[in-house]
Amino acid sequence: MLDALGLDEVWWLVSPGNVLKPAAGMAPFPARYASACKMARGIPVRVTAIEAEMGTRYTIDTLRKLKQRYPRRSFVWLMGADNLAQFHRWRGWRRIAREMPIAVIARPGYDAHALASPAMAWLRRWRRRHSQDLNGAKRSAPALVILRFDPDVRSATAIRAADPDWYCRYERIHQNDMLTHRSIGTKQAVRLL
């Protein structure tokens, strides 16, 4: 993603909770944060809990606050094709597209649904081909780029199903946020969730 889009860095925003998914069965926030840090080890990705810190519930609010907090940065929203398939269900999804360019990473099993989604029908007119100048996509919105890499066939749902108590290994891990450098721990998570 860094090379394909000419990005300086990638931030992984660990969400305090997805409003489109039931809270029941969701692993505790500190465990999800620690797991993301482990997955990001050795790759140029900064894992952050900034969304929980800002207290935003919806992506549109998060993106606007990020732009306010970091006015000298240009952002590109990165998401998987699985999210594009249901993007039309997100609050203010058209405003999200107008707020910053979107790069969608193709995912096995989701591409057909993503390309046939109501959001894609609306976004199609702003789609840029991979061979086009991607720097232009970073400067204007709406803009959509679909990136194709070697597919990663792993499924988070399948991984969780194979090890339903995975988060217990992370319960007592305290770390500092890679972006804000604030402590991420159990007490903070109770306050944030």
N, C-alpha and C. Protein backbone atom coordinates (compact mmCIF):
# COMPACT_ATOMS: atom_id res chain seq x y z
N MET A 1 0.83 -1.19 0.00
CA MET A 1 0.00 0.00 0.00
C MET A 1 0.87 1.25 0.00
N LEU A 2 1.94 1.19 0.79
CA LEU A 2 2.84 2.34 0.84
C LEU A 2 3.37 2.67 -0.55
N ASP A 3 3.89 1.67 -1.22
CA ASP A 3 4.47 1.89 -2.55
C ASP A 3 3.41 2.21 -3.59
N ALA A 4 2.32 1.46 -3.58
CA ALA A 4 1.29 1.64 -4.60
C ALA A 4 0.66 3.03 -4.55
N LEU A 5 0.51 3.57 -3.35
CA LEU A 5 -0.13 4.88 -3.20
C LEU A 5 0.86 6.00 -2.90
N GLY A 6 2.12 5.67 -2.75
CA GLY A 6 3.11 6.69 -2.44
C GLY A 6 2.87 7.31 -1.08
N LEU A 7 2.50 6.49 -0.10
CA LEU A 7 2.21 6.99 1.25
C LEU A 7 3.48 7.08 2.08
N ASP A 8 3.48 7.99 3.03
CA ASP A 8 4.59 8.10 3.97
C ASP A 8 4.49 7.05 5.06
N GLU A 9 3.26 6.78 5.50
CA GLU A 9 3.04 5.77 6.53
C GLU A 9 1.59 5.31 6.50
N VAL A 10 1.34 4.18 7.17
CA VAL A 10 0.00 3.62 7.28
C VAL A 10 -0.36 3.57 8.75
N TRP A 11 -1.56 4.06 9.09
CA TRP A 11 -2.06 3.98 10.46
C TRP A 11 -3.16 2.95 10.49
N TRP A 12 -3.10 2.04 11.45
CA TRP A 12 -4.14 1.02 11.66
C TRP A 12 -4.97 1.51 12.83
N LEU A 13 -6.16 1.99 12.56
CA LEU A 13 -7.06 2.49 13.61
C LEU A 13 -7.83 1.30 14.18
N VAL A 14 -7.49 0.92 15.40
CA VAL A 14 -8.21 -0.16 16.06
C VAL A 14 -9.50 0.45 16.60
N SER A 15 -10.61 -0.05 16.12
CA SER A 15 -11.91 0.52 16.47
C SER A 15 -12.36 0.09 17.86
N PRO A 16 -12.92 1.04 18.61
CA PRO A 16 -13.48 0.67 19.91
C PRO A 16 -14.71 -0.23 19.76
N GLY A 17 -15.32 -0.24 18.59
CA GLY A 17 -16.47 -1.10 18.34
C GLY A 17 -17.11 -0.76 17.01
N ASN A 18 -17.61 -1.76 16.34
CA ASN A 18 -18.25 -1.58 15.05
C ASN A 18 -19.75 -1.53 15.27
N VAL A 19 -20.38 -0.41 14.92
CA VAL A 19 -21.82 -0.25 15.15
C VAL A 19 -22.65 -1.19 14.28
N LEU A 20 -22.05 -1.79 13.25
CA LEU A 20 -22.77 -2.73 12.41
C LEU A 20 -22.66 -4.17 12.90
N LYS A 21 -21.90 -4.37 13.98
CA LYS A 21 -21.74 -5.71 14.54
C LYS A 21 -22.20 -5.71 15.99
N PRO A 22 -22.72 -6.84 16.47
CA PRO A 22 -23.15 -6.89 17.87
C PRO A 22 -21.95 -6.80 18.80
N ALA A 23 -22.12 -6.09 19.91
CA ALA A 23 -21.05 -5.94 20.90
C ALA A 23 -20.80 -7.26 21.63
N ALA A 24 -21.85 -8.08 21.75
CA ALA A 24 -21.71 -9.37 22.42
C ALA A 24 -20.73 -10.24 21.64
N GLY A 25 -19.78 -10.79 22.33
CA GLY A 25 -18.80 -11.64 21.69
C GLY A 25 -17.57 -10.90 21.17
N MET A 26 -17.58 -9.57 21.23
CA MET A 26 -16.42 -8.81 20.78
C MET A 26 -15.34 -8.86 21.86
N ALA A 27 -14.13 -9.11 21.45
CA ALA A 27 -13.01 -9.17 22.39
C ALA A 27 -12.78 -7.80 23.01
N PRO A 28 -12.24 -7.76 24.23
CA PRO A 28 -11.96 -6.47 24.88
C PRO A 28 -11.00 -5.63 24.03
N PHE A 29 -11.19 -4.35 24.10
CA PHE A 29 -10.39 -3.42 23.30
C PHE A 29 -8.88 -3.60 23.49
N PRO A 30 -8.36 -3.68 24.72
CA PRO A 30 -6.91 -3.84 24.87
C PRO A 30 -6.37 -5.10 24.19
N ALA A 31 -7.15 -6.16 24.21
CA ALA A 31 -6.71 -7.40 23.55
C ALA A 31 -6.67 -7.22 22.04
N ARG A 32 -7.67 -6.55 21.49
CA ARG A 32 -7.69 -6.31 20.04
C ARG A 32 -6.53 -5.39 19.64
N TYR A 33 -6.25 -4.40 20.48
CA TYR A 33 -5.13 -3.50 20.20
C TYR A 33 -3.80 -4.27 20.25
N ALA A 34 -3.60 -5.07 21.30
CA ALA A 34 -2.35 -5.83 21.44
C ALA A 34 -2.19 -6.82 20.29
N SER A 35 -3.28 -7.44 19.87
CA SER A 35 -3.23 -8.38 18.76
C SER A 35 -2.84 -7.66 17.46
N ALA A 36 -3.38 -6.49 17.24
CA ALA A 36 -3.03 -5.70 16.05
C ALA A 36 -1.55 -5.33 16.07
N CYS A 37 -1.04 -4.96 17.24
CA CYS A 37 0.39 -4.64 17.36
C CYS A 37 1.25 -5.84 17.00
N LYS A 38 0.84 -7.01 17.46
CA LYS A 38 1.59 -8.22 17.16
C LYS A 38 1.57 -8.50 15.65
N MET A 39 0.41 -8.33 15.02
CA MET A 39 0.30 -8.56 13.58
C MET A 39 1.11 -7.54 12.77
N ALA A 40 1.24 -6.33 13.30
CA ALA A 40 1.94 -5.26 12.58
C ALA A 40 3.45 -5.29 12.82
N ARG A 41 3.90 -6.16 13.71
CA ARG A 41 5.33 -6.23 14.01
C ARG A 41 6.13 -6.52 12.74
N GLY A 42 7.14 -5.71 12.49
CA GLY A 42 8.01 -5.94 11.36
C GLY A 42 7.54 -5.34 10.04
N ILE A 43 6.37 -4.68 10.06
CA ILE A 43 5.90 -4.01 8.84
C ILE A 43 5.69 -2.53 9.16
N PRO A 44 5.76 -1.65 8.18
CA PRO A 44 5.66 -0.21 8.44
C PRO A 44 4.22 0.27 8.65
N VAL A 45 3.63 -0.18 9.75
CA VAL A 45 2.27 0.21 10.10
C VAL A 45 2.27 0.68 11.54
N ARG A 46 1.62 1.82 11.80
CA ARG A 46 1.50 2.33 13.16
C ARG A 46 0.10 2.00 13.67
N VAL A 47 0.03 1.17 14.67
CA VAL A 47 -1.25 0.79 15.27
C VAL A 47 -1.64 1.87 16.27
N THR A 48 -2.90 2.28 16.22
CA THR A 48 -3.33 3.37 17.09
C THR A 48 -4.75 3.16 17.63
N ALA A 49 -4.95 3.66 18.83
CA ALA A 49 -6.27 3.66 19.47
C ALA A 49 -6.85 5.07 19.45
N ILE A 50 -6.41 5.87 18.51
CA ILE A 50 -6.81 7.28 18.48
C ILE A 50 -8.32 7.46 18.35
N GLU A 51 -8.98 6.54 17.68
CA GLU A 51 -10.44 6.65 17.54
C GLU A 51 -11.12 6.57 18.90
N ALA A 52 -10.66 5.65 19.75
CA ALA A 52 -11.22 5.54 21.09
C ALA A 52 -10.88 6.80 21.90
N GLU A 53 -9.67 7.29 21.74
CA GLU A 53 -9.26 8.50 22.47
C GLU A 53 -10.11 9.71 22.07
N MET A 54 -10.41 9.83 20.78
CA MET A 54 -11.21 10.96 20.31
C MET A 54 -12.68 10.81 20.67
N GLY A 55 -13.09 9.59 21.00
CA GLY A 55 -14.48 9.37 21.40
C GLY A 55 -15.46 9.38 20.24
N THR A 56 -14.98 9.11 19.04
CA THR A 56 -15.88 9.08 17.89
C THR A 56 -16.49 7.69 17.74
N ARG A 57 -17.70 7.67 17.24
CA ARG A 57 -18.41 6.41 17.07
C ARG A 57 -18.49 6.01 15.59
N TYR A 58 -18.50 7.00 14.72
CA TYR A 58 -18.66 6.75 13.30
C TYR A 58 -17.43 7.21 12.52
N THR A 59 -17.13 6.50 11.45
CA THR A 59 -15.94 6.78 10.65
C THR A 59 -15.91 8.22 10.16
N ILE A 60 -17.04 8.76 9.71
CA ILE A 60 -17.05 10.13 9.21
C ILE A 60 -16.57 11.10 10.27
N ASP A 61 -16.98 10.90 11.52
CA ASP A 61 -16.54 11.78 12.61
C ASP A 61 -15.05 11.59 12.89
N THR A 62 -14.58 10.35 12.84
CA THR A 62 -13.17 10.06 13.06
C THR A 62 -12.32 10.76 12.01
N LEU A 63 -12.70 10.63 10.74
CA LEU A 63 -11.91 11.23 9.66
C LEU A 63 -11.85 12.75 9.78
N ARG A 64 -12.96 13.35 10.11
CA ARG A 64 -12.98 14.81 10.27
C ARG A 64 -12.10 15.26 11.43
N LYS A 65 -12.14 14.52 12.54
CA LYS A 65 -11.29 14.88 13.68
C LYS A 65 -9.81 14.65 13.37
N LEU A 66 -9.51 13.60 12.63
CA LEU A 66 -8.12 13.37 12.24
C LEU A 66 -7.60 14.52 11.39
N LYS A 67 -8.41 14.98 10.44
CA LYS A 67 -8.00 16.09 9.59
C LYS A 67 -7.83 17.38 10.40
N GLN A 68 -8.67 17.57 11.41
CA GLN A 68 -8.53 18.75 12.28
C GLN A 68 -7.26 18.64 13.13
N ARG A 69 -7.00 17.47 13.66
CA ARG A 69 -5.84 17.27 14.54
C ARG A 69 -4.52 17.32 13.78
N TYR A 70 -4.55 16.85 12.52
CA TYR A 70 -3.34 16.79 11.70
C TYR A 70 -3.58 17.55 10.39
N PRO A 71 -3.71 18.88 10.47
CA PRO A 71 -4.09 19.66 9.28
C PRO A 71 -3.04 19.67 8.16
N ARG A 72 -1.80 19.35 8.47
CA ARG A 72 -0.75 19.38 7.44
C ARG A 72 -0.57 18.03 6.75
N ARG A 73 -1.37 17.08 7.12
CA ARG A 73 -1.27 15.75 6.51
C ARG A 73 -2.39 15.55 5.49
N SER A 74 -2.09 14.77 4.47
CA SER A 74 -3.10 14.33 3.50
C SER A 74 -3.37 12.87 3.79
N PHE A 75 -4.63 12.52 3.85
CA PHE A 75 -5.02 11.16 4.20
C PHE A 75 -5.67 10.44 3.03
N VAL A 76 -5.52 9.13 3.03
CA VAL A 76 -6.23 8.22 2.14
C VAL A 76 -6.86 7.17 3.04
N TRP A 77 -8.16 6.93 2.90
CA TRP A 77 -8.84 5.92 3.70
C TRP A 77 -8.62 4.57 3.04
N LEU A 78 -8.04 3.63 3.78
CA LEU A 78 -7.78 2.28 3.28
C LEU A 78 -8.80 1.32 3.88
N MET A 79 -9.38 0.49 3.02
CA MET A 79 -10.30 -0.53 3.53
C MET A 79 -10.29 -1.72 2.60
N GLY A 80 -10.74 -2.85 3.12
CA GLY A 80 -10.83 -4.06 2.32
C GLY A 80 -12.10 -4.09 1.50
N ALA A 81 -12.10 -4.93 0.48
CA ALA A 81 -13.28 -5.07 -0.38
C ALA A 81 -14.50 -5.53 0.41
N ASP A 82 -14.28 -6.26 1.51
CA ASP A 82 -15.41 -6.68 2.34
C ASP A 82 -16.14 -5.46 2.91
N ASN A 83 -15.40 -4.40 3.22
CA ASN A 83 -16.04 -3.17 3.72
C ASN A 83 -16.73 -2.41 2.59
N LEU A 84 -16.14 -2.39 1.41
CA LEU A 84 -16.79 -1.71 0.28
C LEU A 84 -18.14 -2.37 -0.03
N ALA A 85 -18.22 -3.69 0.12
CA ALA A 85 -19.47 -4.41 -0.16
C ALA A 85 -20.62 -3.92 0.71
N GLN A 86 -20.33 -3.46 1.92
CA GLN A 86 -21.40 -2.97 2.80
C GLN A 86 -21.20 -1.49 3.19
N PHE A 87 -20.37 -0.79 2.45
CA PHE A 87 -20.06 0.61 2.72
C PHE A 87 -21.32 1.48 2.70
N HIS A 88 -22.29 1.15 1.86
CA HIS A 88 -23.53 1.93 1.76
C HIS A 88 -24.33 1.89 3.07
N ARG A 89 -23.98 1.00 3.99
CA ARG A 89 -24.67 0.91 5.28
C ARG A 89 -24.01 1.80 6.34
N TRP A 90 -22.82 2.35 6.03
CA TRP A 90 -22.11 3.19 6.99
C TRP A 90 -22.77 4.56 7.06
N ARG A 91 -22.81 5.12 8.24
CA ARG A 91 -23.35 6.47 8.40
C ARG A 91 -22.49 7.46 7.60
N GLY A 92 -23.14 8.24 6.76
CA GLY A 92 -22.46 9.28 6.00
C GLY A 92 -21.43 8.77 5.01
N TRP A 93 -21.67 7.61 4.40
CA TRP A 93 -20.67 7.02 3.52
C TRP A 93 -20.32 7.92 2.34
N ARG A 94 -21.28 8.64 1.79
CA ARG A 94 -20.96 9.57 0.69
C ARG A 94 -20.10 10.72 1.21
N ARG A 95 -20.37 11.16 2.43
CA ARG A 95 -19.54 12.23 3.03
C ARG A 95 -18.12 11.72 3.28
N ILE A 96 -17.99 10.45 3.66
CA ILE A 96 -16.66 9.86 3.84
C ILE A 96 -15.91 9.94 2.51
N ALA A 97 -16.57 9.56 1.43
CA ALA A 97 -15.94 9.58 0.10
C ALA A 97 -15.56 11.00 -0.31
N ARG A 98 -16.33 11.97 0.11
CA ARG A 98 -16.01 13.36 -0.22
C ARG A 98 -14.93 13.94 0.70
N GLU A 99 -14.78 13.33 1.86
CA GLU A 99 -13.82 13.81 2.86
C GLU A 99 -12.38 13.48 2.47
N MET A 100 -12.16 12.25 1.97
CA MET A 100 -10.81 11.86 1.56
C MET A 100 -10.87 10.73 0.55
N PRO A 101 -9.82 10.60 -0.26
CA PRO A 101 -9.78 9.50 -1.23
C PRO A 101 -9.82 8.15 -0.53
N ILE A 102 -10.32 7.16 -1.25
CA ILE A 102 -10.45 5.81 -0.71
C ILE A 102 -9.65 4.84 -1.56
N ALA A 103 -8.88 4.00 -0.90
CA ALA A 103 -8.19 2.90 -1.57
C ALA A 103 -8.76 1.60 -1.01
N VAL A 104 -9.21 0.74 -1.89
CA VAL A 104 -9.82 -0.53 -1.51
C VAL A 104 -8.85 -1.65 -1.87
N ILE A 105 -8.57 -2.51 -0.89
CA ILE A 105 -7.69 -3.65 -1.11
C ILE A 105 -8.57 -4.84 -1.44
N ALA A 106 -8.36 -5.42 -2.61
CA ALA A 106 -9.15 -6.58 -3.04
C ALA A 106 -8.95 -7.72 -2.05
N ARG A 107 -10.04 -8.46 -1.78
CA ARG A 107 -9.98 -9.61 -0.87
C ARG A 107 -10.69 -10.78 -1.50
N PRO A 108 -10.08 -11.95 -1.43
CA PRO A 108 -10.71 -13.14 -2.03
C PRO A 108 -12.11 -13.36 -1.46
N GLY A 109 -13.05 -13.61 -2.35
CA GLY A 109 -14.42 -13.90 -1.94
C GLY A 109 -15.30 -12.68 -1.76
N TYR A 110 -14.75 -11.48 -1.81
CA TYR A 110 -15.55 -10.27 -1.60
C TYR A 110 -15.60 -9.36 -2.81
N ASP A 111 -14.70 -9.55 -3.75
CA ASP A 111 -14.58 -8.62 -4.85
C ASP A 111 -15.87 -8.46 -5.65
N ALA A 112 -16.55 -9.56 -5.98
CA ALA A 112 -17.77 -9.48 -6.77
C ALA A 112 -18.85 -8.69 -6.03
N HIS A 113 -19.00 -8.95 -4.72
CA HIS A 113 -19.99 -8.21 -3.93
C HIS A 113 -19.62 -6.73 -3.84
N ALA A 114 -18.34 -6.45 -3.69
CA ALA A 114 -17.88 -5.06 -3.59
C ALA A 114 -18.16 -4.31 -4.89
N LEU A 115 -17.84 -4.93 -6.02
CA LEU A 115 -18.03 -4.26 -7.31
C LEU A 115 -19.50 -4.10 -7.67
N ALA A 116 -20.37 -4.94 -7.10
CA ALA A 116 -21.81 -4.85 -7.37
C ALA A 116 -22.57 -4.07 -6.30
N SER A 117 -21.86 -3.51 -5.33
CA SER A 117 -22.51 -2.84 -4.21
C SER A 117 -23.09 -1.48 -4.60
N PRO A 118 -24.10 -1.01 -3.86
CA PRO A 118 -24.64 0.33 -4.11
C PRO A 118 -23.57 1.42 -3.99
N ALA A 119 -22.65 1.26 -3.06
CA ALA A 119 -21.60 2.27 -2.89
C ALA A 119 -20.72 2.32 -4.14
N MET A 120 -20.37 1.16 -4.68
CA MET A 120 -19.53 1.13 -5.87
C MET A 120 -20.25 1.74 -7.06
N ALA A 121 -21.57 1.53 -7.16
CA ALA A 121 -22.34 2.14 -8.25
C ALA A 121 -22.20 3.66 -8.20
N TRP A 122 -22.20 4.23 -7.00
CA TRP A 122 -22.06 5.67 -6.84
C TRP A 122 -20.61 6.12 -7.03
N LEU A 123 -19.65 5.34 -6.49
CA LEU A 123 -18.22 5.71 -6.53
C LEU A 123 -17.57 5.46 -7.90
N ARG A 124 -18.19 4.63 -8.72
CA ARG A 124 -17.57 4.21 -9.98
C ARG A 124 -17.07 5.39 -10.82
N ARG A 125 -17.79 6.49 -10.83
CA ARG A 125 -17.40 7.63 -11.68
C ARG A 125 -16.10 8.27 -11.23
N TRP A 126 -15.69 8.02 -9.97
CA TRP A 126 -14.45 8.60 -9.44
C TRP A 126 -13.33 7.55 -9.35
N ARG A 127 -13.58 6.41 -9.91
CA ARG A 127 -12.56 5.35 -9.84
C ARG A 127 -11.37 5.69 -10.73
N ARG A 128 -10.20 5.51 -10.16
CA ARG A 128 -8.96 5.69 -10.91
C ARG A 128 -8.35 4.32 -11.12
N ARG A 129 -7.85 4.12 -12.29
CA ARG A 129 -7.18 2.86 -12.60
C ARG A 129 -5.81 2.85 -11.92
N HIS A 130 -5.34 1.65 -11.64
CA HIS A 130 -4.05 1.51 -10.97
C HIS A 130 -2.94 2.15 -11.79
N SER A 131 -3.07 2.15 -13.11
CA SER A 131 -2.03 2.72 -13.96
C SER A 131 -2.07 4.24 -14.00
N GLN A 132 -3.15 4.85 -13.51
CA GLN A 132 -3.25 6.30 -13.50
C GLN A 132 -2.38 6.88 -12.39
N ASP A 133 -2.19 8.16 -12.44
CA ASP A 133 -1.41 8.86 -11.43
C ASP A 133 -2.12 8.78 -10.09
N LEU A 134 -1.59 7.99 -9.18
CA LEU A 134 -2.23 7.82 -7.88
C LEU A 134 -2.01 9.03 -6.98
N ASN A 135 -1.01 9.85 -7.27
CA ASN A 135 -0.81 11.05 -6.45
C ASN A 135 -1.99 11.99 -6.57
N GLY A 136 -2.61 12.04 -7.75
CA GLY A 136 -3.80 12.87 -7.91
C GLY A 136 -4.93 12.41 -7.02
N ALA A 137 -5.03 11.10 -6.78
CA ALA A 137 -6.08 10.56 -5.92
C ALA A 137 -5.88 11.01 -4.48
N LYS A 138 -4.64 11.26 -4.09
CA LYS A 138 -4.39 11.69 -2.71
C LYS A 138 -4.78 13.15 -2.49
N ARG A 139 -4.88 13.92 -3.57
CA ARG A 139 -5.15 15.35 -3.42
C ARG A 139 -6.62 15.72 -3.54
N SER A 140 -7.44 14.81 -4.04
CA SER A 140 -8.83 15.18 -4.25
C SER A 140 -9.76 14.05 -3.81
N ALA A 141 -10.93 14.44 -3.44
CA ALA A 141 -11.97 13.47 -3.08
C ALA A 141 -13.27 14.00 -3.68
N PRO A 142 -14.15 13.14 -4.10
CA PRO A 142 -14.03 11.70 -4.08
C PRO A 142 -13.01 11.18 -5.10
N ALA A 143 -12.38 10.10 -4.72
CA ALA A 143 -11.49 9.34 -5.59
C ALA A 143 -11.42 7.93 -5.04
N LEU A 144 -11.41 6.96 -5.92
CA LEU A 144 -11.39 5.56 -5.51
C LEU A 144 -10.34 4.82 -6.32
N VAL A 145 -9.52 4.06 -5.63
CA VAL A 145 -8.52 3.22 -6.27
C VAL A 145 -8.70 1.82 -5.70
N ILE A 146 -8.73 0.82 -6.58
CA ILE A 146 -8.80 -0.56 -6.11
C ILE A 146 -7.43 -1.19 -6.34
N LEU A 147 -6.85 -1.69 -5.26
CA LEU A 147 -5.51 -2.28 -5.29
C LEU A 147 -5.61 -3.79 -5.25
N ARG A 148 -4.81 -4.45 -6.05
CA ARG A 148 -4.78 -5.91 -6.06
C ARG A 148 -3.37 -6.36 -5.73
N PHE A 149 -3.27 -7.16 -4.70
CA PHE A 149 -2.01 -7.75 -4.28
C PHE A 149 -2.18 -9.26 -4.27
N ASP A 150 -1.10 -9.98 -3.98
CA ASP A 150 -1.25 -11.41 -3.79
C ASP A 150 -2.28 -11.62 -2.69
N PRO A 151 -3.32 -12.39 -2.94
CA PRO A 151 -4.39 -12.52 -1.95
C PRO A 151 -3.94 -13.21 -0.67
N ASP A 152 -4.45 -12.70 0.42
CA ASP A 152 -4.25 -13.31 1.74
C ASP A 152 -5.56 -14.02 2.06
N VAL A 153 -5.52 -15.32 2.04
CA VAL A 153 -6.75 -16.10 2.18
C VAL A 153 -7.20 -16.26 3.63
N ARG A 154 -6.38 -15.77 4.58
CA ARG A 154 -6.77 -15.90 5.98
C ARG A 154 -8.04 -15.08 6.25
N SER A 155 -8.85 -15.58 7.13
CA SER A 155 -10.10 -14.93 7.50
C SER A 155 -10.09 -14.71 9.01
N ALA A 156 -10.30 -13.47 9.44
CA ALA A 156 -10.35 -13.17 10.87
C ALA A 156 -11.47 -13.97 11.54
N THR A 157 -12.59 -14.12 10.85
CA THR A 157 -13.71 -14.88 11.41
C THR A 157 -13.30 -16.33 11.65
N ALA A 158 -12.62 -16.93 10.69
CA ALA A 158 -12.18 -18.32 10.83
C ALA A 158 -11.12 -18.46 11.92
N ILE A 159 -10.23 -17.50 12.01
CA ILE A 159 -9.18 -17.54 13.05
C ILE A 159 -9.82 -17.47 14.44
N ARG A 160 -10.79 -16.57 14.60
CA ARG A 160 -11.47 -16.46 15.90
C ARG A 160 -12.26 -17.73 16.21
N ALA A 161 -12.90 -18.32 15.22
CA ALA A 161 -13.67 -19.54 15.44
C ALA A 161 -12.78 -20.69 15.86
N ALA A 162 -11.57 -20.76 15.32
CA ALA A 162 -10.63 -21.83 15.67
C ALA A 162 -10.05 -21.66 17.07
N ASP A 163 -10.04 -20.44 17.58
CA ASP A 163 -9.47 -20.15 18.90
C ASP A 163 -10.34 -19.08 19.58
N PRO A 164 -11.55 -19.46 20.04
CA PRO A 164 -12.50 -18.46 20.56
C PRO A 164 -12.00 -17.67 21.78
N ASP A 165 -11.04 -18.21 22.51
CA ASP A 165 -10.53 -17.50 23.69
C ASP A 165 -9.18 -16.84 23.44
N TRP A 166 -8.88 -16.53 22.18
CA TRP A 166 -7.58 -15.95 21.80
C TRP A 166 -7.24 -14.71 22.61
N TYR A 167 -8.24 -13.90 22.89
CA TYR A 167 -7.99 -12.61 23.54
C TYR A 167 -7.49 -12.75 24.98
N CYS A 168 -7.69 -13.90 25.60
CA CYS A 168 -7.22 -14.11 26.98
C CYS A 168 -5.69 -14.00 27.07
N ARG A 169 -5.01 -14.33 26.00
CA ARG A 169 -3.54 -14.22 26.00
C ARG A 169 -3.08 -12.76 26.07
N TYR A 170 -3.96 -11.82 25.78
CA TYR A 170 -3.59 -10.41 25.72
C TYR A 170 -4.16 -9.58 26.86
N GLU A 171 -4.87 -10.21 27.79
CA GLU A 171 -5.60 -9.47 28.82
C GLU A 171 -4.72 -8.55 29.67
N ARG A 172 -3.51 -8.95 29.97
CA ARG A 172 -2.69 -8.17 30.89
C ARG A 172 -1.57 -7.40 30.19
N ILE A 173 -1.64 -7.30 28.89
CA ILE A 173 -0.61 -6.58 28.15
C ILE A 173 -0.95 -5.09 28.14
N HIS A 174 0.01 -4.29 28.56
CA HIS A 174 -0.15 -2.83 28.51
C HIS A 174 0.89 -2.29 27.54
N GLN A 175 0.44 -1.46 26.61
CA GLN A 175 1.33 -0.91 25.60
C GLN A 175 1.06 0.57 25.43
N ASN A 176 1.97 1.22 24.76
CA ASN A 176 1.76 2.61 24.39
C ASN A 176 1.28 2.67 22.95
N ASP A 177 0.38 3.58 22.69
CA ASP A 177 -0.15 3.80 21.36
C ASP A 177 1.00 4.23 20.44
N MET A 178 1.09 3.64 19.26
CA MET A 178 2.18 3.93 18.34
C MET A 178 2.08 5.32 17.72
N LEU A 179 0.92 5.94 17.79
CA LEU A 179 0.73 7.27 17.21
C LEU A 179 0.71 8.35 18.28
N THR A 180 -0.12 8.15 19.30
CA THR A 180 -0.27 9.17 20.34
C THR A 180 0.68 8.97 21.51
N HIS A 181 1.25 7.77 21.62
CA HIS A 181 2.18 7.39 22.69
C HIS A 181 1.52 7.34 24.07
N ARG A 182 0.20 7.31 24.11
CA ARG A 182 -0.51 7.16 25.38
C ARG A 182 -0.65 5.69 25.71
N SER A 183 -0.83 5.40 26.99
CA SER A 183 -0.92 4.03 27.46
C SER A 183 -2.26 3.41 27.05
N ILE A 184 -2.19 2.18 26.58
CA ILE A 184 -3.39 1.40 26.27
C ILE A 184 -3.41 0.25 27.26
N GLY A 185 -4.38 0.25 28.13
CA GLY A 185 -4.45 -0.80 29.14
C GLY A 185 -5.89 -1.08 29.51
N THR A 186 -6.09 -2.01 30.41
CA THR A 186 -7.42 -2.45 30.80
C THR A 186 -8.24 -1.32 31.40
N LYS A 187 -7.67 -0.55 32.31
CA LYS A 187 -8.44 0.53 32.94
C LYS A 187 -8.89 1.55 31.90
N GLN A 188 -8.00 1.91 30.97
CA GLN A 188 -8.36 2.87 29.95
C GLN A 188 -9.46 2.31 29.07
N ALA A 189 -9.40 1.03 28.74
CA ALA A 189 -10.40 0.42 27.86
C ALA A 189 -11.78 0.46 28.47
N VAL A 190 -11.88 0.25 29.77
CA VAL A 190 -13.18 0.31 30.43
C VAL A 190 -13.76 1.71 30.27
N ARG A 191 -12.92 2.72 30.43
CA ARG A 191 -13.38 4.10 30.27
C ARG A 191 -13.78 4.39 28.83
N LEU A 192 -13.04 3.86 27.86
CA LEU A 192 -13.28 4.18 26.47
C LEU A 192 -14.48 3.45 25.89
N LEU A 193 -14.73 2.23 26.35
CA LEU A 193 -15.82 1.46 25.78
C LEU A 193 -17.08 1.79 26.44
